[in-house]
Amino acid sequence: MVVSIDGTKEAVQAVADGKMNCVVECNPLTAPLIYDAAQKIVAGQPVAAVTYNKDQLFDSTTRRPR
């Protein structure tokens, strides 16, 4: 099984071509959320105990966008 992380266009195409089993797209908007939380912690402000970040998995069952 071949799995890739970062969701590049080439990796998604490799999955579509059957050359790779799946790829996980890691949302690049996570960094600002982490930075903001770190600043709040350092400042002694409360932060949420849990924060969810939407990533996406592409495999052979994922429909291609039209």
Protein backbone atom coordinates (compact mmCIF):
# COMPACT_ATOMS: atom_id res chain seq x y z
CA MET A 1 0.00 0.00 0.00
CA VAL A 2 1.30 3.43 -0.93
CA VAL A 3 0.03 6.44 1.03
CA SER A 4 1.08 10.06 0.62
CA ILE A 5 0.54 13.04 2.88
CA ASP A 6 0.05 16.62 1.70
CA GLY A 7 -2.55 16.24 -1.06
CA THR A 8 -0.52 17.57 -3.95
CA LYS A 9 -2.13 17.58 -7.37
CA GLU A 10 0.39 14.99 -8.59
CA ALA A 11 -0.40 12.65 -5.70
CA VAL A 12 -4.16 12.92 -6.28
CA GLN A 13 -3.54 12.18 -9.97
CA ALA A 14 -1.41 9.15 -9.01
CA VAL A 15 -4.36 7.82 -7.00
CA ALA A 16 -6.68 8.42 -9.95
CA ASP A 17 -4.20 6.59 -12.20
CA GLY A 18 -4.02 3.63 -9.79
CA LYS A 19 -0.33 4.22 -8.98
CA MET A 20 -0.97 5.12 -5.34
CA ASN A 21 -3.59 3.87 -2.86
CA CYS A 22 -4.47 7.11 -1.11
CA VAL A 23 -3.32 10.59 -0.24
CA VAL A 24 -4.23 12.75 2.77
CA GLU A 25 -4.50 16.48 2.21
CA CYS A 26 -3.23 18.36 5.27
CA ASN A 27 -4.98 21.68 5.51
CA PRO A 28 -2.41 24.52 5.33
CA LEU A 29 -4.72 26.76 7.35
CA THR A 30 -3.82 24.81 10.50
CA ALA A 31 -0.69 26.86 11.22
CA PRO A 32 -2.49 30.16 11.96
CA LEU A 33 -4.87 28.34 14.34
CA ILE A 34 -1.94 26.80 16.20
CA TYR A 35 -0.08 30.10 16.32
CA ASP A 36 -3.12 31.91 17.73
CA ALA A 37 -3.63 29.21 20.36
CA ALA A 38 0.04 29.37 21.37
CA GLN A 39 -0.14 33.15 21.75
CA LYS A 40 -3.22 32.84 23.96
CA ILE A 41 -1.58 30.19 26.13
CA VAL A 42 1.53 32.34 26.62
CA ALA A 43 -0.71 35.31 27.48
CA GLY A 44 -2.59 33.20 30.03
CA GLN A 45 -5.83 33.32 28.07
CA PRO A 46 -8.14 30.31 27.77
CA VAL A 47 -8.13 28.16 24.65
CA ALA A 48 -10.51 25.44 23.51
CA ALA A 49 -9.63 22.00 24.85
CA VAL A 50 -10.27 20.49 21.41
CA THR A 51 -9.94 22.04 17.97
CA TYR A 52 -10.88 20.18 14.81
CA ASN A 53 -9.14 20.72 11.52
CA LYS A 54 -10.68 19.49 8.30
CA ASP A 55 -8.29 17.34 6.29
CA GLN A 56 -9.38 15.24 3.35
CA LEU A 57 -8.58 11.69 2.26
CA PHE A 58 -8.49 10.83 -1.43
CA ASP A 59 -8.58 7.17 -2.45
CA SER A 60 -9.93 5.11 -5.33
CA THR A 61 -13.50 5.61 -4.07
CA THR A 62 -13.28 9.40 -4.05
CA ARG A 63 -15.21 10.99 -6.88
CA ARG A 64 -13.30 13.38 -9.06
CA PRO A 65 -14.55 16.97 -9.00
CA ARG A 66 -16.22 18.03 -12.24
